[in-house]
Amino acid sequence: MTKYLISFPADAMQVGADELPAVGDAARAVIEEAKAAGVYVFAGGIDESVEPILVSADGAASAETYPGVQLTGGFAVLELPTREAALHWARKLATACRCPQELRAFMYDPAS
């Protein structure tokens, strides 16, 4: 089975502060459903209060990121039999989070 990343950037979620608890509850309900279905790998959100660090090939570290890349928001990794199944779960998360979700497949590495 393939692992899929379902994610959204923080600025995609356009809900009021009063709606955030309901959005959180709905998203956690989908995650609990994924766990019960046996497809859950892990999920979470990027802690934007912790600055990213770019580590070079020579081991040097700097407080920067790749140009043009901003990783924020939330994500779920699910292991699913088909892309159609992944679309099903992405739709559920889009509804729960009230914002579009990006769907990507991880490449399989038999050595990992």
PDB file of N, CA and C in Angstrom:
ATOM      1  N   MET A   1       0.838  -1.189   0.000  1.00  0.00           N
ATOM      2  CA  MET A   1       0.000   0.000   0.000  1.00  0.00           C
ATOM      3  C   MET A   1       0.878   1.244   0.000  1.00  0.00           C
ATOM      4  N   THR A   2       0.332   2.302  -0.504  1.00  0.00           N
ATOM      5  CA  THR A   2       1.043   3.571  -0.617  1.00  0.00           C
ATOM      6  C   THR A   2       0.684   4.480   0.551  1.00  0.00           C
ATOM      7  N   LYS A   3       1.692   5.214   1.018  1.00  0.00           N
ATOM      8  CA  LYS A   3       1.447   6.245   2.029  1.00  0.00           C
ATOM      9  C   LYS A   3       1.187   7.552   1.293  1.00  0.00           C
ATOM     10  N   TYR A   4       0.168   8.272   1.747  1.00  0.00           N
ATOM     11  CA  TYR A   4      -0.226   9.538   1.147  1.00  0.00           C
ATOM     12  C   TYR A   4      -0.135  10.649   2.173  1.00  0.00           C
ATOM     13  N   LEU A   5       0.325  11.820   1.712  1.00  0.00           N
ATOM     14  CA  LEU A   5       0.353  13.026   2.523  1.00  0.00           C
ATOM     15  C   LEU A   5      -0.843  13.874   2.121  1.00  0.00           C
ATOM     16  N   ILE A   6      -1.676  14.186   3.099  1.00  0.00           N
ATOM     17  CA  ILE A   6      -2.819  15.075   2.898  1.00  0.00           C
ATOM     18  C   ILE A   6      -2.521  16.296   3.762  1.00  0.00           C
ATOM     19  N   SER A   7      -2.436  17.478   3.141  1.00  0.00           N
ATOM     20  CA  SER A   7      -1.970  18.640   3.902  1.00  0.00           C
ATOM     21  C   SER A   7      -2.583  19.939   3.400  1.00  0.00           C
ATOM     22  N   PHE A   8      -2.400  20.978   4.217  1.00  0.00           N
ATOM     23  CA  PHE A   8      -2.827  22.315   3.834  1.00  0.00           C
ATOM     24  C   PHE A   8      -1.913  23.335   4.508  1.00  0.00           C
ATOM     25  N   PRO A   9      -1.656  24.485   3.840  1.00  0.00           N
ATOM     26  CA  PRO A   9      -0.895  25.547   4.483  1.00  0.00           C
ATOM     27  C   PRO A   9      -1.801  26.305   5.460  1.00  0.00           C
ATOM     28  N   ALA A  10      -1.201  26.868   6.484  1.00  0.00           N
ATOM     29  CA  ALA A  10      -1.972  27.541   7.530  1.00  0.00           C
ATOM     30  C   ALA A  10      -2.887  28.628   6.973  1.00  0.00           C
ATOM     31  N   ASP A  11      -2.427  29.390   5.993  1.00  0.00           N
ATOM     32  CA  ASP A  11      -3.248  30.495   5.498  1.00  0.00           C
ATOM     33  C   ASP A  11      -4.426  30.046   4.631  1.00  0.00           C
ATOM     34  N   ALA A  12      -4.514  28.752   4.329  1.00  0.00           N
ATOM     35  CA  ALA A  12      -5.659  28.238   3.563  1.00  0.00           C
ATOM     36  C   ALA A  12      -6.910  28.138   4.427  1.00  0.00           C
ATOM     37  N   MET A  13      -6.720  28.002   5.737  1.00  0.00           N
ATOM     38  CA  MET A  13      -7.859  27.863   6.638  1.00  0.00           C
ATOM     39  C   MET A  13      -8.390  29.251   6.998  1.00  0.00           C
ATOM     40  N   GLN A  14      -9.488  29.616   6.395  1.00  0.00           N
ATOM     41  CA  GLN A  14     -10.084  30.933   6.591  1.00  0.00           C
ATOM     42  C   GLN A  14     -11.327  30.816   7.467  1.00  0.00           C
ATOM     43  N   VAL A  15     -11.129  30.482   8.733  1.00  0.00           N
ATOM     44  CA  VAL A  15     -12.251  30.381   9.664  1.00  0.00           C
ATOM     45  C   VAL A  15     -12.015  31.341  10.820  1.00  0.00           C
ATOM     46  N   GLY A  16     -13.095  31.804  11.403  1.00  0.00           N
ATOM     47  CA  GLY A  16     -12.994  32.706  12.540  1.00  0.00           C
ATOM     48  C   GLY A  16     -12.530  31.973  13.787  1.00  0.00           C
ATOM     49  N   ALA A  17     -11.993  32.726  14.724  1.00  0.00           N
ATOM     50  CA  ALA A  17     -11.507  32.146  15.980  1.00  0.00           C
ATOM     51  C   ALA A  17     -12.606  31.379  16.700  1.00  0.00           C
ATOM     52  N   ASP A  18     -13.830  31.838  16.573  1.00  0.00           N
ATOM     53  CA  ASP A  18     -14.954  31.158  17.230  1.00  0.00           C
ATOM     54  C   ASP A  18     -15.264  29.806  16.586  1.00  0.00           C
ATOM     55  N   GLU A  19     -14.823  29.604  15.339  1.00  0.00           N
ATOM     56  CA  GLU A  19     -15.063  28.345  14.625  1.00  0.00           C
ATOM     57  C   GLU A  19     -13.949  27.317  14.830  1.00  0.00           C
ATOM     58  N   LEU A  20     -12.788  27.760  15.292  1.00  0.00           N
ATOM     59  CA  LEU A  20     -11.639  26.852  15.410  1.00  0.00           C
ATOM     60  C   LEU A  20     -11.907  25.628  16.274  1.00  0.00           C
ATOM     61  N   PRO A  21     -12.585  25.749  17.419  1.00  0.00           N
ATOM     62  CA  PRO A  21     -12.850  24.526  18.197  1.00  0.00           C
ATOM     63  C   PRO A  21     -13.661  23.489  17.417  1.00  0.00           C
ATOM     64  N   ALA A  22     -14.663  23.940  16.667  1.00  0.00           N
ATOM     65  CA  ALA A  22     -15.485  23.005  15.883  1.00  0.00           C
ATOM     66  C   ALA A  22     -14.665  22.376  14.762  1.00  0.00           C
ATOM     67  N   VAL A  23     -13.789  23.161  14.130  1.00  0.00           N
ATOM     68  CA  VAL A  23     -12.926  22.635  13.075  1.00  0.00           C
ATOM     69  C   VAL A  23     -11.976  21.593  13.660  1.00  0.00           C
ATOM     70  N   GLY A  24     -11.385  21.901  14.817  1.00  0.00           N
ATOM     71  CA  GLY A  24     -10.490  20.953  15.477  1.00  0.00           C
ATOM     72  C   GLY A  24     -11.196  19.659  15.830  1.00  0.00           C
ATOM     73  N   ASP A  25     -12.404  19.771  16.363  1.00  0.00           N
ATOM     74  CA  ASP A  25     -13.180  18.571  16.710  1.00  0.00           C
ATOM     75  C   ASP A  25     -13.484  17.741  15.466  1.00  0.00           C
ATOM     76  N   ALA A  26     -13.866  18.410  14.377  1.00  0.00           N
ATOM     77  CA  ALA A  26     -14.196  17.696  13.143  1.00  0.00           C
ATOM     78  C   ALA A  26     -12.959  17.004  12.568  1.00  0.00           C
ATOM     79  N   ALA A  27     -11.829  17.700  12.586  1.00  0.00           N
ATOM     80  CA  ALA A  27     -10.595  17.099  12.059  1.00  0.00           C
ATOM     81  C   ALA A  27     -10.167  15.911  12.910  1.00  0.00           C
ATOM     82  N   ARG A  28     -10.243  16.048  14.235  1.00  0.00           N
ATOM     83  CA  ARG A  28      -9.885  14.922  15.111  1.00  0.00           C
ATOM     84  C   ARG A  28     -10.829  13.742  14.908  1.00  0.00           C
ATOM     85  N   ALA A  29     -12.089  14.006  14.607  1.00  0.00           N
ATOM     86  CA  ALA A  29     -13.041  12.916  14.339  1.00  0.00           C
ATOM     87  C   ALA A  29     -12.641  12.142  13.083  1.00  0.00           C
ATOM     88  N   VAL A  30     -12.181  12.853  12.048  1.00  0.00           N
ATOM     89  CA  VAL A  30     -11.730  12.166  10.829  1.00  0.00           C
ATOM     90  C   VAL A  30     -10.492  11.334  11.140  1.00  0.00           C
ATOM     91  N   ILE A  31      -9.573  11.882  11.938  1.00  0.00           N
ATOM     92  CA  ILE A  31      -8.363  11.138  12.307  1.00  0.00           C
ATOM     93  C   ILE A  31      -8.739   9.890  13.110  1.00  0.00           C
ATOM     94  N   GLU A  32      -9.678  10.006  14.017  1.00  0.00           N
ATOM     95  CA  GLU A  32     -10.129   8.835  14.785  1.00  0.00           C
ATOM     96  C   GLU A  32     -10.768   7.800  13.862  1.00  0.00           C
ATOM     97  N   GLU A  33     -11.503   8.263  12.850  1.00  0.00           N
ATOM     98  CA  GLU A  33     -12.096   7.359  11.868  1.00  0.00           C
ATOM     99  C   GLU A  33     -10.997   6.640  11.075  1.00  0.00           C
ATOM    100  N   ALA A  34      -9.934   7.386  10.707  1.00  0.00           N
ATOM    101  CA  ALA A  34      -8.814   6.777   9.979  1.00  0.00           C
ATOM    102  C   ALA A  34      -8.105   5.740  10.841  1.00  0.00           C
ATOM    103  N   LYS A  35      -7.965   6.032  12.128  1.00  0.00           N
ATOM    104  CA  LYS A  35      -7.355   5.059  13.049  1.00  0.00           C
ATOM    105  C   LYS A  35      -8.203   3.795  13.118  1.00  0.00           C
ATOM    106  N   ALA A  36      -9.513   3.977  13.266  1.00  0.00           N
ATOM    107  CA  ALA A  36     -10.421   2.829  13.362  1.00  0.00           C
ATOM    108  C   ALA A  36     -10.405   1.997  12.078  1.00  0.00           C
ATOM    109  N   ALA A  37     -10.182   2.667  10.932  1.00  0.00           N
ATOM    110  CA  ALA A  37     -10.134   1.967   9.646  1.00  0.00           C
ATOM    111  C   ALA A  37      -8.780   1.303   9.402  1.00  0.00           C
ATOM    112  N   GLY A  38      -7.807   1.586  10.274  1.00  0.00           N
ATOM    113  CA  GLY A  38      -6.490   0.976  10.131  1.00  0.00           C
ATOM    114  C   GLY A  38      -5.611   1.605   9.066  1.00  0.00           C
ATOM    115  N   VAL A  39      -5.912   2.852   8.654  1.00  0.00           N
ATOM    116  CA  VAL A  39      -5.135   3.503   7.602  1.00  0.00           C
ATOM    117  C   VAL A  39      -4.261   4.642   8.126  1.00  0.00           C
ATOM    118  N   TYR A  40      -4.386   4.970   9.395  1.00  0.00           N
ATOM    119  CA  TYR A  40      -3.653   6.081  10.006  1.00  0.00           C
ATOM    120  C   TYR A  40      -2.182   5.743  10.192  1.00  0.00           C
ATOM    121  N   VAL A  41      -1.287   6.646   9.786  1.00  0.00           N
ATOM    122  CA  VAL A  41       0.142   6.514  10.050  1.00  0.00           C
ATOM    123  C   VAL A  41       0.528   7.550  11.095  1.00  0.00           C
ATOM    124  N   PHE A  42       0.371   8.837  10.782  1.00  0.00           N
ATOM    125  CA  PHE A  42       0.536   9.899  11.766  1.00  0.00           C
ATOM    126  C   PHE A  42      -0.035  11.193  11.208  1.00  0.00           C
ATOM    127  N   ALA A  43      -0.245  12.159  12.090  1.00  0.00           N
ATOM    128  CA  ALA A  43      -0.796  13.444  11.687  1.00  0.00           C
ATOM    129  C   ALA A  43      -0.325  14.500  12.675  1.00  0.00           C
ATOM    130  N   GLY A  44      -0.474  15.735  12.285  1.00  0.00           N
ATOM    131  CA  GLY A  44      -0.102  16.822  13.177  1.00  0.00           C
ATOM    132  C   GLY A  44      -0.121  18.145  12.459  1.00  0.00           C
ATOM    133  N   GLY A  45       0.508  19.093  13.084  1.00  0.00           N
ATOM    134  CA  GLY A  45       0.616  20.428  12.515  1.00  0.00           C
ATOM    135  C   GLY A  45       2.030  20.932  12.705  1.00  0.00           C
ATOM    136  N   ILE A  46       2.443  21.829  11.835  1.00  0.00           N
ATOM    137  CA  ILE A  46       3.767  22.423  11.934  1.00  0.00           C
ATOM    138  C   ILE A  46       3.743  23.464  13.051  1.00  0.00           C
ATOM    139  N   ASP A  47       4.680  23.362  13.996  1.00  0.00           N
ATOM    140  CA  ASP A  47       4.785  24.326  15.092  1.00  0.00           C
ATOM    141  C   ASP A  47       5.511  25.555  14.563  1.00  0.00           C
ATOM    142  N   GLU A  48       4.744  26.565  14.212  1.00  0.00           N
ATOM    143  CA  GLU A  48       5.323  27.758  13.611  1.00  0.00           C
ATOM    144  C   GLU A  48       6.066  28.630  14.612  1.00  0.00           C
ATOM    145  N   SER A  49       5.974  28.319  15.897  1.00  0.00           N
ATOM    146  CA  SER A  49       6.729  29.089  16.895  1.00  0.00           C
ATOM    147  C   SER A  49       8.186  28.631  16.960  1.00  0.00           C
ATOM    148  N   VAL A  50       8.504  27.521  16.327  1.00  0.00           N
ATOM    149  CA  VAL A  50       9.878  27.013  16.279  1.00  0.00           C
ATOM    150  C   VAL A  50      10.448  27.322  14.898  1.00  0.00           C
ATOM    151  N   GLU A  51      11.501  28.117  14.859  1.00  0.00           N
ATOM    152  CA  GLU A  51      12.109  28.518  13.592  1.00  0.00           C
ATOM    153  C   GLU A  51      12.729  27.319  12.880  1.00  0.00           C
ATOM    154  N   PRO A  52      12.556  27.232  11.553  1.00  0.00           N
ATOM    155  CA  PRO A  52      13.204  26.154  10.803  1.00  0.00           C
ATOM    156  C   PRO A  52      14.721  26.379  10.726  1.00  0.00           C
ATOM    157  N   ILE A  53      15.442  25.305  10.534  1.00  0.00           N
ATOM    158  CA  ILE A  53      16.889  25.350  10.377  1.00  0.00           C
ATOM    159  C   ILE A  53      17.239  24.609   9.097  1.00  0.00           C
ATOM    160  N   LEU A  54      18.078  25.220   8.281  1.00  0.00           N
ATOM    161  CA  LEU A  54      18.548  24.597   7.048  1.00  0.00           C
ATOM    162  C   LEU A  54      19.936  24.029   7.326  1.00  0.00           C
ATOM    163  N   VAL A  55      20.089  22.726   7.151  1.00  0.00           N
ATOM    164  CA  VAL A  55      21.366  22.052   7.396  1.00  0.00           C
ATOM    165  C   VAL A  55      22.002  21.722   6.048  1.00  0.00           C
ATOM    166  N   SER A  56      23.191  22.244   5.819  1.00  0.00           N
ATOM    167  CA  SER A  56      23.904  22.052   4.556  1.00  0.00           C
ATOM    168  C   SER A  56      24.566  20.686   4.497  1.00  0.00           C
ATOM    169  N   ALA A  57      24.986  20.320   3.297  1.00  0.00           N
ATOM    170  CA  ALA A  57      25.672  19.041   3.093  1.00  0.00           C
ATOM    171  C   ALA A  57      26.952  18.954   3.911  1.00  0.00           C
ATOM    172  N   ASP A  58      27.572  20.092   4.220  1.00  0.00           N
ATOM    173  CA  ASP A  58      28.801  20.086   5.025  1.00  0.00           C
ATOM    174  C   ASP A  58      28.503  20.106   6.524  1.00  0.00           C
ATOM    175  N   GLY A  59      27.213  20.067   6.884  1.00  0.00           N
ATOM    176  CA  GLY A  59      26.823  20.037   8.290  1.00  0.00           C
ATOM    177  C   GLY A  59      26.550  21.391   8.901  1.00  0.00           C
ATOM    178  N   ALA A  60      26.817  22.467   8.181  1.00  0.00           N
ATOM    179  CA  ALA A  60      26.548  23.815   8.703  1.00  0.00           C
ATOM    180  C   ALA A  60      25.045  24.025   8.814  1.00  0.00           C
ATOM    181  N   ALA A  61      24.633  24.701   9.864  1.00  0.00           N
ATOM    182  CA  ALA A  61      23.214  24.979  10.089  1.00  0.00           C
ATOM    183  C   ALA A  61      22.974  26.475  10.078  1.00  0.00           C
ATOM    184  N   SER A  62      21.860  26.886   9.469  1.00  0.00           N
ATOM    185  CA  SER A  62      21.508  28.301   9.446  1.00  0.00           C
ATOM    186  C   SER A  62      20.003  28.450   9.615  1.00  0.00           C
ATOM    187  N   ALA A  63      19.601  29.587  10.151  1.00  0.00           N
ATOM    188  CA  ALA A  63      18.184  29.868  10.398  1.00  0.00           C
ATOM    189  C   ALA A  63      17.554  30.400   9.117  1.00  0.00           C
ATOM    190  N   GLU A  64      17.312  29.515   8.189  1.00  0.00           N
ATOM    191  CA  GLU A  64      16.687  29.886   6.926  1.00  0.00           C
ATOM    192  C   GLU A  64      15.971  28.673   6.356  1.00  0.00           C
ATOM    193  N   THR A  65      15.335  28.851   5.216  1.00  0.00           N
ATOM    194  CA  THR A  65      14.679  27.748   4.522  1.00  0.00           C
ATOM    195  C   THR A  65      15.047  27.823   3.048  1.00  0.00           C
ATOM    196  N   TYR A  66      14.643  26.833   2.290  1.00  0.00           N
ATOM    197  CA  TYR A  66      14.810  26.914   0.847  1.00  0.00           C
ATOM    198  C   TYR A  66      14.030  28.119   0.341  1.00  0.00           C
ATOM    199  N   PRO A  67      14.586  28.858  -0.619  1.00  0.00           N
ATOM    200  CA  PRO A  67      13.869  30.017  -1.165  1.00  0.00           C
ATOM    201  C   PRO A  67      12.513  29.606  -1.731  1.00  0.00           C
ATOM    202  N   GLY A  68      11.506  30.368  -1.380  1.00  0.00           N
ATOM    203  CA  GLY A  68      10.169  30.130  -1.908  1.00  0.00           C
ATOM    204  C   GLY A  68       9.393  29.013  -1.241  1.00  0.00           C
ATOM    205  N   VAL A  69       9.963  28.360  -0.240  1.00  0.00           N
ATOM    206  CA  VAL A  69       9.280  27.250   0.427  1.00  0.00           C
ATOM    207  C   VAL A  69       8.830  27.691   1.810  1.00  0.00           C
ATOM    208  N   GLN A  70       7.556  27.528   2.053  1.00  0.00           N
ATOM    209  CA  GLN A  70       7.029  27.834   3.374  1.00  0.00           C
ATOM    210  C   GLN A  70       6.164  26.658   3.797  1.00  0.00           C
ATOM    211  N   LEU A  71       6.602  25.937   4.803  1.00  0.00           N
ATOM    212  CA  LEU A  71       5.862  24.782   5.293  1.00  0.00           C
ATOM    213  C   LEU A  71       5.144  25.180   6.571  1.00  0.00           C
ATOM    214  N   THR A  72       3.823  25.241   6.497  1.00  0.00           N
ATOM    215  CA  THR A  72       2.987  25.605   7.637  1.00  0.00           C
ATOM    216  C   THR A  72       1.757  24.718   7.614  1.00  0.00           C
ATOM    217  N   GLY A  73       0.901  24.881   8.583  1.00  0.00           N
ATOM    218  CA  GLY A  73      -0.394  24.217   8.552  1.00  0.00           C
ATOM    219  C   GLY A  73      -0.400  22.827   9.142  1.00  0.00           C
ATOM    220  N   GLY A  74      -1.310  22.014   8.634  1.00  0.00           N
ATOM    221  CA  GLY A  74      -1.505  20.676   9.176  1.00  0.00           C
ATOM    222  C   GLY A  74      -1.378  19.609   8.112  1.00  0.00           C
ATOM    223  N   PHE A  75      -1.250  18.372   8.586  1.00  0.00           N
ATOM    224  CA  PHE A  75      -1.057  17.267   7.657  1.00  0.00           C
ATOM    225  C   PHE A  75      -1.501  15.959   8.290  1.00  0.00           C
ATOM    226  N   ALA A  76      -1.742  14.992   7.445  1.00  0.00           N
ATOM    227  CA  ALA A  76      -1.992  13.612   7.865  1.00  0.00           C
ATOM    228  C   ALA A  76      -1.285  12.707   6.867  1.00  0.00           C
ATOM    229  N   VAL A  77      -0.728  11.629   7.366  1.00  0.00           N
ATOM    230  CA  VAL A  77      -0.155  10.600   6.508  1.00  0.00           C
ATOM    231  C   VAL A  77      -0.989   9.347   6.727  1.00  0.00           C
ATOM    232  N   LEU A  78      -1.576   8.854   5.643  1.00  0.00           N
ATOM    233  CA  LEU A  78      -2.420   7.667   5.692  1.00  0.00           C
ATOM    234  C   LEU A  78      -1.869   6.642   4.721  1.00  0.00           C
ATOM    235  N   GLU A  79      -1.998   5.375   5.064  1.00  0.00           N
ATOM    236  CA  GLU A  79      -1.560   4.287   4.181  1.00  0.00           C
ATOM    237  C   GLU A  79      -2.806   3.670   3.567  1.00  0.00           C
ATOM    238  N   LEU A  80      -2.887   3.775   2.236  1.00  0.00           N
ATOM    239  CA  LEU A  80      -4.116   3.429   1.542  1.00  0.00           C
ATOM    240  C   LEU A  80      -3.841   2.576   0.310  1.00  0.00           C
ATOM    241  N   PRO A  81      -4.827   1.774  -0.105  1.00  0.00           N
ATOM    242  CA  PRO A  81      -4.622   0.855  -1.222  1.00  0.00           C
ATOM    243  C   PRO A  81      -4.651   1.518  -2.592  1.00  0.00           C
ATOM    244  N   THR A  82      -5.348   2.662  -2.719  1.00  0.00           N
ATOM    245  CA  THR A  82      -5.486   3.291  -4.033  1.00  0.00           C
ATOM    246  C   THR A  82      -5.520   4.809  -3.901  1.00  0.00           C
ATOM    247  N   ARG A  83      -5.272   5.468  -5.026  1.00  0.00           N
ATOM    248  CA  ARG A  83      -5.388   6.931  -5.056  1.00  0.00           C
ATOM    249  C   ARG A  83      -6.839   7.350  -4.817  1.00  0.00           C
ATOM    250  N   GLU A  84      -7.775   6.566  -5.309  1.00  0.00           N
ATOM    251  CA  GLU A  84      -9.195   6.876  -5.067  1.00  0.00           C
ATOM    252  C   GLU A  84      -9.514   6.860  -3.573  1.00  0.00           C
ATOM    253  N   ALA A  85      -8.949   5.899  -2.852  1.00  0.00           N
ATOM    254  CA  ALA A  85      -9.144   5.866  -1.400  1.00  0.00           C
ATOM    255  C   ALA A  85      -8.512   7.099  -0.751  1.00  0.00           C
ATOM    256  N   ALA A  86      -7.359   7.517  -1.259  1.00  0.00           N
ATOM    257  CA  ALA A  86      -6.710   8.718  -0.736  1.00  0.00           C
ATOM    258  C   ALA A  86      -7.570   9.955  -0.995  1.00  0.00           C
ATOM    259  N   LEU A  87      -8.171  10.034  -2.172  1.00  0.00           N
ATOM    260  CA  LEU A  87      -9.080  11.146  -2.476  1.00  0.00           C
ATOM    261  C   LEU A  87     -10.269  11.161  -1.515  1.00  0.00           C
ATOM    262  N   HIS A  88     -10.784   9.993  -1.190  1.00  0.00           N
ATOM    263  CA  HIS A  88     -11.890   9.884  -0.243  1.00  0.00           C
ATOM    264  C   HIS A  88     -11.518  10.528   1.096  1.00  0.00           C
ATOM    265  N   TRP A  89     -10.330  10.180   1.621  1.00  0.00           N
ATOM    266  CA  TRP A  89      -9.896  10.723   2.920  1.00  0.00           C
ATOM    267  C   TRP A  89      -9.544  12.199   2.798  1.00  0.00           C
ATOM    268  N   ALA A  90      -8.970  12.629   1.685  1.00  0.00           N
ATOM    269  CA  ALA A  90      -8.668  14.047   1.487  1.00  0.00           C
ATOM    270  C   ALA A  90      -9.951  14.865   1.477  1.00  0.00           C
ATOM    271  N   ARG A  91     -11.000  14.327   0.866  1.00  0.00           N
ATOM    272  CA  ARG A  91     -12.296  15.019   0.881  1.00  0.00           C
ATOM    273  C   ARG A  91     -12.832  15.147   2.294  1.00  0.00           C
ATOM    274  N   LYS A  92     -12.717  14.078   3.080  1.00  0.00           N
ATOM    275  CA  LYS A  92     -13.178  14.119   4.471  1.00  0.00           C
ATOM    276  C   LYS A  92     -12.422  15.189   5.255  1.00  0.00           C
ATOM    277  N   LEU A  93     -11.109  15.255   5.070  1.00  0.00           N
ATOM    278  CA  LEU A  93     -10.321  16.247   5.792  1.00  0.00           C
ATOM    279  C   LEU A  93     -10.598  17.659   5.290  1.00  0.00           C
ATOM    280  N   ALA A  94     -10.827  17.824   3.993  1.00  0.00           N
ATOM    281  CA  ALA A  94     -11.171  19.143   3.458  1.00  0.00           C
ATOM    282  C   ALA A  94     -12.475  19.644   4.058  1.00  0.00           C
ATOM    283  N   THR A  95     -13.444  18.761   4.189  1.00  0.00           N
ATOM    284  CA  THR A  95     -14.719  19.128   4.791  1.00  0.00           C
ATOM    285  C   THR A  95     -14.528  19.484   6.263  1.00  0.00           C
ATOM    286  N   ALA A  96     -13.790  18.656   6.986  1.00  0.00           N
ATOM    287  CA  ALA A  96     -13.577  18.887   8.418  1.00  0.00           C
ATOM    288  C   ALA A  96     -12.804  20.173   8.669  1.00  0.00           C
ATOM    289  N   CYS A  97     -11.754  20.417   7.883  1.00  0.00           N
ATOM    290  CA  CYS A  97     -10.893  21.590   8.086  1.00  0.00           C
ATOM    291  C   CYS A  97     -11.425  22.843   7.402  1.00  0.00           C
ATOM    292  N   ARG A  98     -12.450  22.663   6.580  1.00  0.00           N
ATOM    293  CA  ARG A  98     -13.077  23.769   5.863  1.00  0.00           C
ATOM    294  C   ARG A  98     -12.096  24.500   4.947  1.00  0.00           C
ATOM    295  N   CYS A  99     -11.185  23.719   4.359  1.00  0.00           N
ATOM    296  CA  CYS A  99     -10.251  24.298   3.388  1.00  0.00           C
ATOM    297  C   CYS A  99      -9.726  23.187   2.479  1.00  0.00           C
ATOM    298  N   PRO A 100      -9.269  23.549   1.283  1.00  0.00           N
ATOM    299  CA  PRO A 100      -8.732  22.552   0.363  1.00  0.00           C
ATOM    300  C   PRO A 100      -7.529  21.825   0.962  1.00  0.00           C
ATOM    301  N   GLN A 101      -7.371  20.586   0.562  1.00  0.00           N
ATOM    302  CA  GLN A 101      -6.252  19.760   0.998  1.00  0.00           C
ATOM    303  C   GLN A 101      -5.428  19.369  -0.214  1.00  0.00           C
ATOM    304  N   GLU A 102      -4.126  19.323  -0.042  1.00  0.00           N
ATOM    305  CA  GLU A 102      -3.241  18.865  -1.106  1.00  0.00           C
ATOM    306  C   GLU A 102      -2.963  17.390  -0.870  1.00  0.00           C
ATOM    307  N   LEU A 103      -2.996  16.614  -1.926  1.00  0.00           N
ATOM    308  CA  LEU A 103      -2.771  15.166  -1.836  1.00  0.00           C
ATOM    309  C   LEU A 103      -1.514  14.801  -2.605  1.00  0.00           C
ATOM    310  N   ARG A 104      -0.595  14.108  -1.930  1.00  0.00           N
ATOM    311  CA  ARG A 104       0.645  13.656  -2.559  1.00  0.00           C
ATOM    312  C   ARG A 104       0.918  12.215  -2.134  1.00  0.00           C
ATOM    313  N   ALA A 105       1.527  11.463  -3.024  1.00  0.00           N
ATOM    314  CA  ALA A 105       1.904  10.077  -2.732  1.00  0.00           C
ATOM    315  C   ALA A 105       3.393  10.016  -2.417  1.00  0.00           C
ATOM    316  N   PHE A 106       3.750   9.230  -1.404  1.00  0.00           N
ATOM    317  CA  PHE A 106       5.155   8.981  -1.117  1.00  0.00           C
ATOM    318  C   PHE A 106       5.636   7.868  -2.038  1.00  0.00           C
ATOM    319  N   MET A 107       6.859   8.005  -2.530  1.00  0.00           N
ATOM    320  CA  MET A 107       7.452   6.945  -3.328  1.00  0.00           C
ATOM    321  C   MET A 107       7.847   5.805  -2.391  1.00  0.00           C
ATOM    322  N   TYR A 108       7.704   4.591  -2.855  1.00  0.00           N
ATOM    323  CA  TYR A 108       8.070   3.426  -2.057  1.00  0.00           C
ATOM    324  C   TYR A 108       9.574   3.192  -2.147  1.00  0.00           C
ATOM    325  N   ASP A 109      10.195   2.983  -1.011  1.00  0.00           N
ATOM    326  CA  ASP A 109      11.611   2.654  -0.959  1.00  0.00           C
ATOM    327  C   ASP A 109      11.730   1.329  -0.230  1.00  0.00           C
ATOM    328  N   PRO A 110      12.056   0.236  -0.933  1.00  0.00           N
ATOM    329  CA  PRO A 110      12.093  -1.074  -0.292  1.00  0.00           C
ATOM    330  C   PRO A 110      13.165  -1.185   0.801  1.00  0.00           C
ATOM    331  N   ALA A 111      14.120  -0.273   0.815  1.00  0.00           N
ATOM    332  CA  ALA A 111      15.168  -0.318   1.834  1.00  0.00           C
ATOM    333  C   ALA A 111      14.773   0.424   3.109  1.00  0.00           C
ATOM    334  N   SER A 112      13.640   1.124   3.095  1.00  0.00           N
ATOM    335  CA  SER A 112      13.271   1.891   4.289  1.00  0.00           C
ATOM    336  C   SER A 112      12.303   1.131   5.176  1.00  0.00           C
TER     337      SER A 112
END
